[in-house]
Amino acid sequence: MDFNDARTLLWIASTLYGGALLAGLALASKERKLPALVSFCLILFAYSSHTRGLYLRGLEVHGCPLGNGMERIQFILWSVVTGYLIMRILFRLNLLGSFAAGLAGVGGALSLLSPGLDSGYWLEPGYRRLFSGPWIELHASVAIFSYGLFALLAVVSVMYMVQQKSLQIKRTGALGAHLPSINQLETASQRLLLVGVIFLTASIVVGSMHWTRSPDSVSSVKLWVTIGLWIAYCGLWYLHFRQRLYGKKFAKACVALFVLAILSLGFVRSAPERQETAPQPSVEDAS
C-alpha cells in the first residue's frame, strides 16, 4: 500500500468515513456499545487522509485538483466534512457527523470506482497546469467549496425531514431520538444557506475579474449556468428570510437545488492549460 499515492489515501478516507457512519448508527442504537468519541475520531482520521490525498493530487496536476469528475466530487465531499467540523465548534448537532461521513464515504467510493471520472489529463502531451492563473484557480476552488456547503445543507435538510416525520407519527424511534430538534436544524439550515451564498457570490466576483479581461475564455453556457444557480440560491435564501418558504417545503427545495447544482458541474468545468509546441520542421525544409 503506497501512502504517497493520492487514490490510496482517498480510498482510506472513504473507508474510515464509512466506519464513522457505522459507529454513529451504533451509538444511536439502543445498545450503545461504542464510546461517543469513536465516530468523531474516525472522521478526524478520515479527514486527514482525505486532505493529504487531495494535496498529493494537487502536486500532480500543479493546482487545486478540480480537473475531472472524481476530483470535483472529492473536493465537494472534503468541503462537506470541513463545514461539519466548523459547525461542530459553533453548536452541536447530533448525528450530523454520521450523516456527513456517510455522504463522504459513499460518494467518495463511487467516484473512485468509476474509471471514467478519473482521467489522467495531467499526463497528456503539452499539459502545463490546470488553471491559467491564480484568480481562476481561486474562483473555481471557492465555487466548489460553496457546493460543499450546499451539500451539507442538503444533509441537514434530510435530517429535518426525518425528524419532522418522526414527530408527525409520534414515534421517534432510535434514530429520531438522537436527531437535533426542529429549531436547531432550521437554524443550521439558515446559516449554511447564507454562508454558501456568500462563498458563491465571492467566487462569481473573483471570476468576473478574469472575465472582464478575457470574455472569450468563458463560454456563455458556463456563465449563464453559474449566474442561474446563484440567482436560485439567493432567491431561496430571500424566500426563507421573508418566511415565505420554510419547514418541509424549504428542506425539499434545498435538496432539489443541490441536485441541480451537482448536475451543473458538467457545464462549468475548466479546460487545462497546455503548452503550445512549435511545429517541427520537415526534412525538406531542413535541406
C-alpha atoms as a PDB file:
ATOM      1  CA  MET A   1       0.000   0.000   0.000  1.00  0.00           C
ATOM      2  CA  ASP A   2       1.519   3.296  -1.156  1.00  0.00           C
ATOM      3  CA  PHE A   3       0.695   6.084   1.300  1.00  0.00           C
ATOM      4  CA  ASN A   4       2.149   8.616  -1.127  1.00  0.00           C
ATOM      5  CA  ASP A   5      -0.489   7.773  -3.735  1.00  0.00           C
ATOM      6  CA  ALA A   6      -3.487  10.096  -3.836  1.00  0.00           C
ATOM      7  CA  ARG A   7      -6.040   7.424  -4.742  1.00  0.00           C
ATOM      8  CA  THR A   8      -4.834   5.140  -1.938  1.00  0.00           C
ATOM      9  CA  LEU A   9      -5.324   7.888   0.629  1.00  0.00           C
ATOM     10  CA  LEU A  10      -8.747   8.748  -0.781  1.00  0.00           C
ATOM     11  CA  TRP A  11      -9.759   5.084  -0.506  1.00  0.00           C
ATOM     12  CA  ILE A  12      -8.586   5.048   3.110  1.00  0.00           C
ATOM     13  CA  ALA A  13     -10.620   8.190   3.763  1.00  0.00           C
ATOM     14  CA  SER A  14     -13.770   6.681   2.226  1.00  0.00           C
ATOM     15  CA  THR A  15     -13.337   3.523   4.316  1.00  0.00           C
ATOM     16  CA  LEU A  16     -12.875   5.491   7.529  1.00  0.00           C
ATOM     17  CA  TYR A  17     -15.876   7.674   6.709  1.00  0.00           C
ATOM     18  CA  GLY A  18     -17.915   4.503   6.305  1.00  0.00           C
ATOM     19  CA  GLY A  19     -16.655   3.294   9.674  1.00  0.00           C
ATOM     20  CA  ALA A  20     -17.669   6.613  11.234  1.00  0.00           C
ATOM     21  CA  LEU A  21     -21.181   6.203   9.827  1.00  0.00           C
ATOM     22  CA  LEU A  22     -21.490   2.702  11.288  1.00  0.00           C
ATOM     23  CA  ALA A  23     -20.134   3.912  14.629  1.00  0.00           C
ATOM     24  CA  GLY A  24     -22.655   6.739  14.689  1.00  0.00           C
ATOM     25  CA  LEU A  25     -25.533   4.392  13.928  1.00  0.00           C
ATOM     26  CA  ALA A  26     -24.302   2.010  16.620  1.00  0.00           C
ATOM     27  CA  LEU A  27     -24.238   4.893  19.076  1.00  0.00           C
ATOM     28  CA  ALA A  28     -27.821   5.762  18.140  1.00  0.00           C
ATOM     29  CA  SER A  29     -28.981   2.197  18.716  1.00  0.00           C
ATOM     30  CA  LYS A  30     -30.441   1.038  21.992  1.00  0.00           C
ATOM     31  CA  GLU A  31     -27.357  -0.973  22.935  1.00  0.00           C
ATOM     32  CA  ARG A  32     -24.798   1.870  22.615  1.00  0.00           C
ATOM     33  CA  LYS A  33     -21.765  -0.358  22.907  1.00  0.00           C
ATOM     34  CA  LEU A  34     -19.354   2.209  21.430  1.00  0.00           C
ATOM     35  CA  PRO A  35     -17.987   5.343  23.151  1.00  0.00           C
ATOM     36  CA  ALA A  36     -19.310   8.629  21.801  1.00  0.00           C
ATOM     37  CA  LEU A  37     -15.880   9.805  20.592  1.00  0.00           C
ATOM     38  CA  VAL A  38     -15.252   6.801  18.330  1.00  0.00           C
ATOM     39  CA  SER A  39     -17.244   8.207  15.409  1.00  0.00           C
ATOM     40  CA  PHE A  40     -15.678  11.667  15.721  1.00  0.00           C
ATOM     41  CA  CYS A  41     -12.129  10.250  15.891  1.00  0.00           C
ATOM     42  CA  LEU A  42     -12.768   8.182  12.763  1.00  0.00           C
ATOM     43  CA  ILE A  43     -13.982  11.312  10.983  1.00  0.00           C
ATOM     44  CA  LEU A  44     -10.814  13.177  12.000  1.00  0.00           C
ATOM     45  CA  PHE A  45      -8.555  10.372  10.730  1.00  0.00           C
ATOM     46  CA  ALA A  46     -10.568  10.162   7.505  1.00  0.00           C
ATOM     47  CA  TYR A  47     -10.431  13.934   7.052  1.00  0.00           C
ATOM     48  CA  SER A  48      -6.644  13.911   7.493  1.00  0.00           C
ATOM     49  CA  SER A  49      -6.268  11.182   4.868  1.00  0.00           C
ATOM     50  CA  HIS A  50      -8.731  13.000   2.597  1.00  0.00           C
ATOM     51  CA  THR A  51      -6.798  16.258   2.888  1.00  0.00           C
ATOM     52  CA  ARG A  52      -3.471  14.534   2.250  1.00  0.00           C
ATOM     53  CA  GLY A  53      -4.863  12.744  -0.794  1.00  0.00           C
ATOM     54  CA  LEU A  54      -6.149  15.965  -2.360  1.00  0.00           C
ATOM     55  CA  TYR A  55      -2.839  17.666  -1.573  1.00  0.00           C
ATOM     56  CA  LEU A  56      -0.853  14.967  -3.376  1.00  0.00           C
ATOM     57  CA  ARG A  57      -3.182  15.112  -6.381  1.00  0.00           C
ATOM     58  CA  GLY A  58      -2.754  18.883  -6.393  1.00  0.00           C
ATOM     59  CA  LEU A  59       1.007  18.432  -6.653  1.00  0.00           C
ATOM     60  CA  GLU A  60       0.492  16.141  -9.641  1.00  0.00           C
ATOM     61  CA  VAL A  61      -1.812  18.497 -11.536  1.00  0.00           C
ATOM     62  CA  HIS A  62       0.021  21.693 -10.445  1.00  0.00           C
ATOM     63  CA  GLY A  63      -3.059  23.314  -8.968  1.00  0.00           C
ATOM     64  CA  CYS A  64      -6.209  22.787  -6.977  1.00  0.00           C
ATOM     65  CA  PRO A  65      -7.425  19.301  -8.061  1.00  0.00           C
ATOM     66  CA  LEU A  66     -10.632  20.119  -9.921  1.00  0.00           C
ATOM     67  CA  GLY A  67      -9.798  18.828 -13.389  1.00  0.00           C
ATOM     68  CA  ASN A  68     -12.064  15.781 -13.647  1.00  0.00           C
ATOM     69  CA  GLY A  69     -15.247  14.391 -12.142  1.00  0.00           C
ATOM     70  CA  MET A  70     -13.569  12.396  -9.391  1.00  0.00           C
ATOM     71  CA  GLU A  71     -11.522  15.370  -8.209  1.00  0.00           C
ATOM     72  CA  ARG A  72     -14.514  17.706  -8.136  1.00  0.00           C
ATOM     73  CA  ILE A  73     -16.626  15.183  -6.216  1.00  0.00           C
ATOM     74  CA  GLN A  74     -13.815  14.560  -3.735  1.00  0.00           C
ATOM     75  CA  PHE A  75     -13.309  18.295  -3.218  1.00  0.00           C
ATOM     76  CA  ILE A  76     -17.020  18.802  -2.604  1.00  0.00           C
ATOM     77  CA  LEU A  77     -17.059  15.936  -0.096  1.00  0.00           C
ATOM     78  CA  TRP A  78     -13.985  17.383   1.606  1.00  0.00           C
ATOM     79  CA  SER A  79     -15.858  20.693   1.860  1.00  0.00           C
ATOM     80  CA  VAL A  80     -18.829  18.877   3.416  1.00  0.00           C
ATOM     81  CA  VAL A  81     -16.673  17.462   6.204  1.00  0.00           C
ATOM     82  CA  THR A  82     -14.873  20.799   6.619  1.00  0.00           C
ATOM     83  CA  GLY A  83     -18.227  22.514   7.054  1.00  0.00           C
ATOM     84  CA  TYR A  84     -19.297  19.911   9.601  1.00  0.00           C
ATOM     85  CA  LEU A  85     -16.106  20.356  11.652  1.00  0.00           C
ATOM     86  CA  ILE A  86     -16.622  24.129  11.692  1.00  0.00           C
ATOM     87  CA  MET A  87     -20.280  23.778  12.666  1.00  0.00           C
ATOM     88  CA  ARG A  88     -19.372  21.364  15.451  1.00  0.00           C
ATOM     89  CA  ILE A  89     -17.330  24.139  17.054  1.00  0.00           C
ATOM     90  CA  LEU A  90     -20.220  26.604  16.851  1.00  0.00           C
ATOM     91  CA  PHE A  91     -23.003  24.333  18.088  1.00  0.00           C
ATOM     92  CA  ARG A  92     -23.633  20.616  18.417  1.00  0.00           C
ATOM     93  CA  LEU A  93     -25.929  18.796  16.041  1.00  0.00           C
ATOM     94  CA  ASN A  94     -26.331  15.159  16.982  1.00  0.00           C
ATOM     95  CA  LEU A  95     -25.685  12.652  14.178  1.00  0.00           C
ATOM     96  CA  LEU A  96     -24.721  15.384  11.686  1.00  0.00           C
ATOM     97  CA  GLY A  97     -21.208  13.945  11.632  1.00  0.00           C
ATOM     98  CA  SER A  98     -22.572  10.471  10.891  1.00  0.00           C
ATOM     99  CA  PHE A  99     -24.728  11.764   8.034  1.00  0.00           C
ATOM    100  CA  ALA A 100     -21.852  13.832   6.618  1.00  0.00           C
ATOM    101  CA  ALA A 101     -19.466  10.882   6.949  1.00  0.00           C
ATOM    102  CA  GLY A 102     -21.963   8.619   5.219  1.00  0.00           C
ATOM    103  CA  LEU A 103     -22.241  11.022   2.295  1.00  0.00           C
ATOM    104  CA  ALA A 104     -18.448  11.407   2.090  1.00  0.00           C
ATOM    105  CA  GLY A 105     -17.861   7.658   2.337  1.00  0.00           C
ATOM    106  CA  VAL A 106     -20.439   6.549  -0.217  1.00  0.00           C
ATOM    107  CA  GLY A 107     -19.826   9.454  -2.595  1.00  0.00           C
ATOM    108  CA  GLY A 108     -16.068   9.072  -2.367  1.00  0.00           C
ATOM    109  CA  ALA A 109     -16.158   5.328  -3.004  1.00  0.00           C
ATOM    110  CA  LEU A 110     -18.458   5.721  -6.016  1.00  0.00           C
ATOM    111  CA  SER A 111     -16.209   8.392  -7.539  1.00  0.00           C
ATOM    112  CA  LEU A 112     -13.156   6.154  -7.101  1.00  0.00           C
ATOM    113  CA  LEU A 113     -14.927   3.107  -8.518  1.00  0.00           C
ATOM    114  CA  SER A 114     -15.776   4.919 -11.771  1.00  0.00           C
ATOM    115  CA  PRO A 115     -12.662   4.860 -14.003  1.00  0.00           C
ATOM    116  CA  GLY A 116     -14.160   7.350 -16.428  1.00  0.00           C
ATOM    117  CA  LEU A 117     -14.351  10.008 -13.706  1.00  0.00           C
ATOM    118  CA  ASP A 118     -10.607   9.997 -13.030  1.00  0.00           C
ATOM    119  CA  SER A 119      -8.999  10.614 -16.401  1.00  0.00           C
ATOM    120  CA  GLY A 120      -5.267  11.322 -16.277  1.00  0.00           C
ATOM    121  CA  TYR A 121      -5.496  14.681 -18.026  1.00  0.00           C
ATOM    122  CA  TRP A 122      -2.205  15.852 -16.480  1.00  0.00           C
ATOM    123  CA  LEU A 123      -0.378  13.069 -18.356  1.00  0.00           C
ATOM    124  CA  GLU A 124      -1.441  14.335 -21.789  1.00  0.00           C
ATOM    125  CA  PRO A 125       1.274  15.817 -24.037  1.00  0.00           C
ATOM    126  CA  GLY A 126       1.714  19.549 -23.658  1.00  0.00           C
ATOM    127  CA  TYR A 127      -0.014  19.753 -20.277  1.00  0.00           C
ATOM    128  CA  ARG A 128       1.319  22.576 -18.097  1.00  0.00           C
ATOM    129  CA  ARG A 129      -1.154  23.251 -15.317  1.00  0.00           C
ATOM    130  CA  LEU A 130      -4.864  23.074 -14.641  1.00  0.00           C
ATOM    131  CA  PHE A 131      -5.624  26.797 -14.374  1.00  0.00           C
ATOM    132  CA  SER A 132      -4.261  29.635 -16.469  1.00  0.00           C
ATOM    133  CA  GLY A 133      -3.948  31.987 -13.497  1.00  0.00           C
ATOM    134  CA  PRO A 134      -4.333  32.274  -9.717  1.00  0.00           C
ATOM    135  CA  TRP A 135      -7.610  34.197  -9.951  1.00  0.00           C
ATOM    136  CA  ILE A 136      -9.242  31.431 -11.971  1.00  0.00           C
ATOM    137  CA  GLU A 137      -7.968  28.841  -9.508  1.00  0.00           C
ATOM    138  CA  LEU A 138      -9.329  30.871  -6.583  1.00  0.00           C
ATOM    139  CA  HIS A 139     -12.667  31.310  -8.357  1.00  0.00           C
ATOM    140  CA  ALA A 140     -13.014  27.576  -9.018  1.00  0.00           C
ATOM    141  CA  SER A 141     -11.955  26.442  -5.541  1.00  0.00           C
ATOM    142  CA  VAL A 142     -14.259  28.898  -3.747  1.00  0.00           C
ATOM    143  CA  ALA A 143     -17.169  27.937  -6.006  1.00  0.00           C
ATOM    144  CA  ILE A 144     -16.677  24.218  -5.386  1.00  0.00           C
ATOM    145  CA  PHE A 145     -16.334  24.885  -1.647  1.00  0.00           C
ATOM    146  CA  SER A 146     -19.726  26.607  -1.736  1.00  0.00           C
ATOM    147  CA  TYR A 147     -21.106  23.467  -3.401  1.00  0.00           C
ATOM    148  CA  GLY A 148     -19.804  21.528  -0.401  1.00  0.00           C
ATOM    149  CA  LEU A 149     -21.685  23.843   1.941  1.00  0.00           C
ATOM    150  CA  PHE A 150     -24.826  23.353  -0.130  1.00  0.00           C
ATOM    151  CA  ALA A 151     -24.270  19.592   0.122  1.00  0.00           C
ATOM    152  CA  LEU A 152     -24.100  19.881   3.913  1.00  0.00           C
ATOM    153  CA  LEU A 153     -27.264  21.984   3.737  1.00  0.00           C
ATOM    154  CA  ALA A 154     -28.935  19.135   1.852  1.00  0.00           C
ATOM    155  CA  VAL A 155     -27.799  16.700   4.571  1.00  0.00           C
ATOM    156  CA  VAL A 156     -29.275  18.916   7.296  1.00  0.00           C
ATOM    157  CA  SER A 157     -32.476  19.209   5.244  1.00  0.00           C
ATOM    158  CA  VAL A 158     -32.779  15.418   5.062  1.00  0.00           C
ATOM    159  CA  MET A 159     -32.290  15.252   8.834  1.00  0.00           C
ATOM    160  CA  TYR A 160     -35.034  17.875   9.202  1.00  0.00           C
ATOM    161  CA  MET A 161     -37.480  15.846   7.122  1.00  0.00           C
ATOM    162  CA  VAL A 162     -36.671  12.664   9.059  1.00  0.00           C
ATOM    163  CA  GLN A 163     -37.200  14.427  12.385  1.00  0.00           C
ATOM    164  CA  GLN A 164     -40.423  16.069  11.219  1.00  0.00           C
ATOM    165  CA  LYS A 165     -41.759  12.723  10.012  1.00  0.00           C
ATOM    166  CA  SER A 166     -40.937  11.177  13.384  1.00  0.00           C
ATOM    167  CA  LEU A 167     -42.812  13.943  15.197  1.00  0.00           C
ATOM    168  CA  GLN A 168     -45.826  13.671  12.909  1.00  0.00           C
ATOM    169  CA  ILE A 169     -46.308   9.968  13.533  1.00  0.00           C
ATOM    170  CA  LYS A 170     -45.379  10.471  17.221  1.00  0.00           C
ATOM    171  CA  ARG A 171     -42.825   7.688  17.058  1.00  0.00           C
ATOM    172  CA  THR A 172     -39.262   8.923  17.288  1.00  0.00           C
ATOM    173  CA  GLY A 173     -37.538   5.545  17.153  1.00  0.00           C
ATOM    174  CA  ALA A 174     -33.832   5.021  17.724  1.00  0.00           C
ATOM    175  CA  LEU A 175     -32.737   7.485  15.026  1.00  0.00           C
ATOM    176  CA  GLY A 176     -35.249  10.234  15.703  1.00  0.00           C
ATOM    177  CA  ALA A 177     -34.440  10.282  19.408  1.00  0.00           C
ATOM    178  CA  HIS A 178     -30.827  11.247  18.647  1.00  0.00           C
ATOM    179  CA  LEU A 179     -31.529  13.838  15.959  1.00  0.00           C
ATOM    180  CA  PRO A 180     -31.359  17.556  16.830  1.00  0.00           C
ATOM    181  CA  SER A 181     -34.556  19.468  17.440  1.00  0.00           C
ATOM    182  CA  ILE A 182     -36.516  21.019  14.586  1.00  0.00           C
ATOM    183  CA  ASN A 183     -35.462  24.504  15.715  1.00  0.00           C
ATOM    184  CA  GLN A 184     -31.771  23.558  15.732  1.00  0.00           C
ATOM    185  CA  LEU A 185     -31.975  22.078  12.253  1.00  0.00           C
ATOM    186  CA  GLU A 186     -33.875  25.126  10.984  1.00  0.00           C
ATOM    187  CA  THR A 187     -31.220  27.462  12.384  1.00  0.00           C
ATOM    188  CA  ALA A 188     -28.390  25.362  10.950  1.00  0.00           C
ATOM    189  CA  SER A 189     -30.047  25.338   7.520  1.00  0.00           C
ATOM    190  CA  GLN A 190     -30.456  29.097   7.522  1.00  0.00           C
ATOM    191  CA  ARG A 191     -26.807  29.692   8.451  1.00  0.00           C
ATOM    192  CA  LEU A 192     -25.458  27.165   5.959  1.00  0.00           C
ATOM    193  CA  LEU A 193     -27.529  28.670   3.158  1.00  0.00           C
ATOM    194  CA  LEU A 194     -26.344  32.194   3.953  1.00  0.00           C
ATOM    195  CA  VAL A 195     -22.665  31.206   4.181  1.00  0.00           C
ATOM    196  CA  GLY A 196     -22.948  29.137   0.994  1.00  0.00           C
ATOM    197  CA  VAL A 197     -24.472  32.088  -0.883  1.00  0.00           C
ATOM    198  CA  ILE A 198     -21.683  34.354   0.392  1.00  0.00           C
ATOM    199  CA  PHE A 199     -18.981  31.968  -0.865  1.00  0.00           C
ATOM    200  CA  LEU A 200     -20.724  31.500  -4.222  1.00  0.00           C
ATOM    201  CA  THR A 201     -21.051  35.279  -4.573  1.00  0.00           C
ATOM    202  CA  ALA A 202     -17.357  35.702  -3.780  1.00  0.00           C
ATOM    203  CA  SER A 203     -16.430  33.136  -6.431  1.00  0.00           C
ATOM    204  CA  ILE A 204     -18.510  34.976  -9.035  1.00  0.00           C
ATOM    205  CA  VAL A 205     -16.900  38.305  -8.118  1.00  0.00           C
ATOM    206  CA  VAL A 206     -13.413  36.796  -8.448  1.00  0.00           C
ATOM    207  CA  GLY A 207     -14.359  35.078 -11.710  1.00  0.00           C
ATOM    208  CA  SER A 208     -15.764  38.304 -13.149  1.00  0.00           C
ATOM    209  CA  MET A 209     -12.354  39.955 -12.736  1.00  0.00           C
ATOM    210  CA  HIS A 210     -10.918  37.439 -15.184  1.00  0.00           C
ATOM    211  CA  TRP A 211     -13.981  37.503 -17.450  1.00  0.00           C
ATOM    212  CA  THR A 212     -13.817  41.289 -17.948  1.00  0.00           C
ATOM    213  CA  ARG A 213     -10.209  40.937 -19.122  1.00  0.00           C
ATOM    214  CA  SER A 214     -10.792  37.906 -21.332  1.00  0.00           C
ATOM    215  CA  PRO A 215     -14.510  37.442 -22.188  1.00  0.00           C
ATOM    216  CA  ASP A 216     -13.775  34.772 -24.797  1.00  0.00           C
ATOM    217  CA  SER A 217     -12.171  32.485 -22.204  1.00  0.00           C
ATOM    218  CA  VAL A 218     -15.545  31.754 -20.556  1.00  0.00           C
ATOM    219  CA  SER A 219     -18.297  30.024 -22.509  1.00  0.00           C
ATOM    220  CA  SER A 220     -21.768  31.566 -22.453  1.00  0.00           C
ATOM    221  CA  VAL A 221     -23.216  28.269 -21.173  1.00  0.00           C
ATOM    222  CA  LYS A 222     -20.884  28.243 -18.162  1.00  0.00           C
ATOM    223  CA  LEU A 223     -21.628  31.907 -17.485  1.00  0.00           C
ATOM    224  CA  TRP A 224     -25.411  31.572 -17.544  1.00  0.00           C
ATOM    225  CA  VAL A 225     -25.456  28.300 -15.601  1.00  0.00           C
ATOM    226  CA  THR A 226     -23.368  29.862 -12.827  1.00  0.00           C
ATOM    227  CA  ILE A 227     -25.476  33.020 -12.701  1.00  0.00           C
ATOM    228  CA  GLY A 228     -28.689  30.984 -12.782  1.00  0.00           C
ATOM    229  CA  LEU A 229     -27.537  28.839  -9.869  1.00  0.00           C
ATOM    230  CA  TRP A 230     -26.544  31.930  -7.904  1.00  0.00           C
ATOM    231  CA  ILE A 231     -29.934  33.561  -8.520  1.00  0.00           C
ATOM    232  CA  ALA A 232     -31.703  30.354  -7.442  1.00  0.00           C
ATOM    233  CA  TYR A 233     -29.836  30.129  -4.131  1.00  0.00           C
ATOM    234  CA  CYS A 234     -30.232  33.861  -3.476  1.00  0.00           C
ATOM    235  CA  GLY A 235     -33.951  33.514  -4.154  1.00  0.00           C
ATOM    236  CA  LEU A 236     -34.154  30.532  -1.820  1.00  0.00           C
ATOM    237  CA  TRP A 237     -32.465  32.494   0.950  1.00  0.00           C
ATOM    238  CA  TYR A 238     -34.741  35.508   0.396  1.00  0.00           C
ATOM    239  CA  LEU A 239     -37.921  33.415   0.487  1.00  0.00           C
ATOM    240  CA  HIS A 240     -36.786  31.720   3.681  1.00  0.00           C
ATOM    241  CA  PHE A 241     -35.710  35.025   5.239  1.00  0.00           C
ATOM    242  CA  ARG A 242     -39.128  36.530   4.466  1.00  0.00           C
ATOM    243  CA  GLN A 243     -40.829  33.433   5.919  1.00  0.00           C
ATOM    244  CA  ARG A 244     -42.457  32.627   2.586  1.00  0.00           C
ATOM    245  CA  LEU A 245     -40.720  29.265   2.291  1.00  0.00           C
ATOM    246  CA  TYR A 246     -39.993  27.256   5.405  1.00  0.00           C
ATOM    247  CA  GLY A 247     -40.375  23.873   7.035  1.00  0.00           C
ATOM    248  CA  LYS A 248     -40.612  20.780   4.885  1.00  0.00           C
ATOM    249  CA  LYS A 249     -41.006  22.731   1.629  1.00  0.00           C
ATOM    250  CA  PHE A 250     -37.809  24.644   2.351  1.00  0.00           C
ATOM    251  CA  ALA A 251     -35.962  21.403   3.131  1.00  0.00           C
ATOM    252  CA  LYS A 252     -37.159  19.810  -0.111  1.00  0.00           C
ATOM    253  CA  ALA A 253     -36.117  22.902  -2.069  1.00  0.00           C
ATOM    254  CA  CYS A 254     -32.607  22.733  -0.560  1.00  0.00           C
ATOM    255  CA  VAL A 255     -32.202  19.096  -1.587  1.00  0.00           C
ATOM    256  CA  ALA A 256     -33.629  19.652  -5.087  1.00  0.00           C
ATOM    257  CA  LEU A 257     -31.460  22.707  -5.719  1.00  0.00           C
ATOM    258  CA  PHE A 258     -28.342  20.844  -4.635  1.00  0.00           C
ATOM    259  CA  VAL A 259     -29.126  18.075  -7.133  1.00  0.00           C
ATOM    260  CA  LEU A 260     -29.327  20.746  -9.846  1.00  0.00           C
ATOM    261  CA  ALA A 261     -26.030  22.214  -8.636  1.00  0.00           C
ATOM    262  CA  ILE A 262     -24.306  18.836  -8.985  1.00  0.00           C
ATOM    263  CA  LEU A 263     -25.771  18.361 -12.463  1.00  0.00           C
ATOM    264  CA  SER A 264     -24.478  21.805 -13.444  1.00  0.00           C
ATOM    265  CA  LEU A 265     -20.874  20.748 -12.780  1.00  0.00           C
ATOM    266  CA  GLY A 266     -20.722  19.254 -16.264  1.00  0.00           C
ATOM    267  CA  PHE A 267     -21.177  22.749 -17.722  1.00  0.00           C
ATOM    268  CA  VAL A 268     -18.768  24.727 -15.530  1.00  0.00           C
ATOM    269  CA  ARG A 269     -15.550  22.715 -15.682  1.00  0.00           C
ATOM    270  CA  SER A 270     -12.372  24.446 -16.747  1.00  0.00           C
ATOM    271  CA  ALA A 271     -10.078  23.342 -19.545  1.00  0.00           C
ATOM    272  CA  PRO A 272      -6.457  22.608 -18.583  1.00  0.00           C
ATOM    273  CA  GLU A 273      -3.767  24.894 -19.905  1.00  0.00           C
ATOM    274  CA  ARG A 274      -1.394  23.237 -22.344  1.00  0.00           C
ATOM    275  CA  GLN A 275       1.930  24.374 -23.635  1.00  0.00           C
ATOM    276  CA  GLU A 276       1.837  25.214 -27.298  1.00  0.00           C
ATOM    277  CA  THR A 277       4.578  23.397 -29.149  1.00  0.00           C
ATOM    278  CA  ALA A 278       6.053  24.817 -32.296  1.00  0.00           C
ATOM    279  CA  PRO A 279       5.676  22.633 -35.389  1.00  0.00           C
ATOM    280  CA  GLN A 280       8.765  20.559 -36.114  1.00  0.00           C
ATOM    281  CA  PRO A 281      10.479  21.423 -39.415  1.00  0.00           C
ATOM    282  CA  SER A 282      10.186  18.812 -42.104  1.00  0.00           C
ATOM    283  CA  VAL A 283      13.111  17.097 -43.779  1.00  0.00           C
ATOM    284  CA  GLU A 284      12.590  19.143 -46.954  1.00  0.00           C
ATOM    285  CA  ASP A 285      12.660  22.418 -45.031  1.00  0.00           C
ATOM    286  CA  ALA A 286      15.861  21.434 -43.300  1.00  0.00           C
ATOM    287  CA  SER A 287      17.645  20.615 -46.546  1.00  0.00           C
END
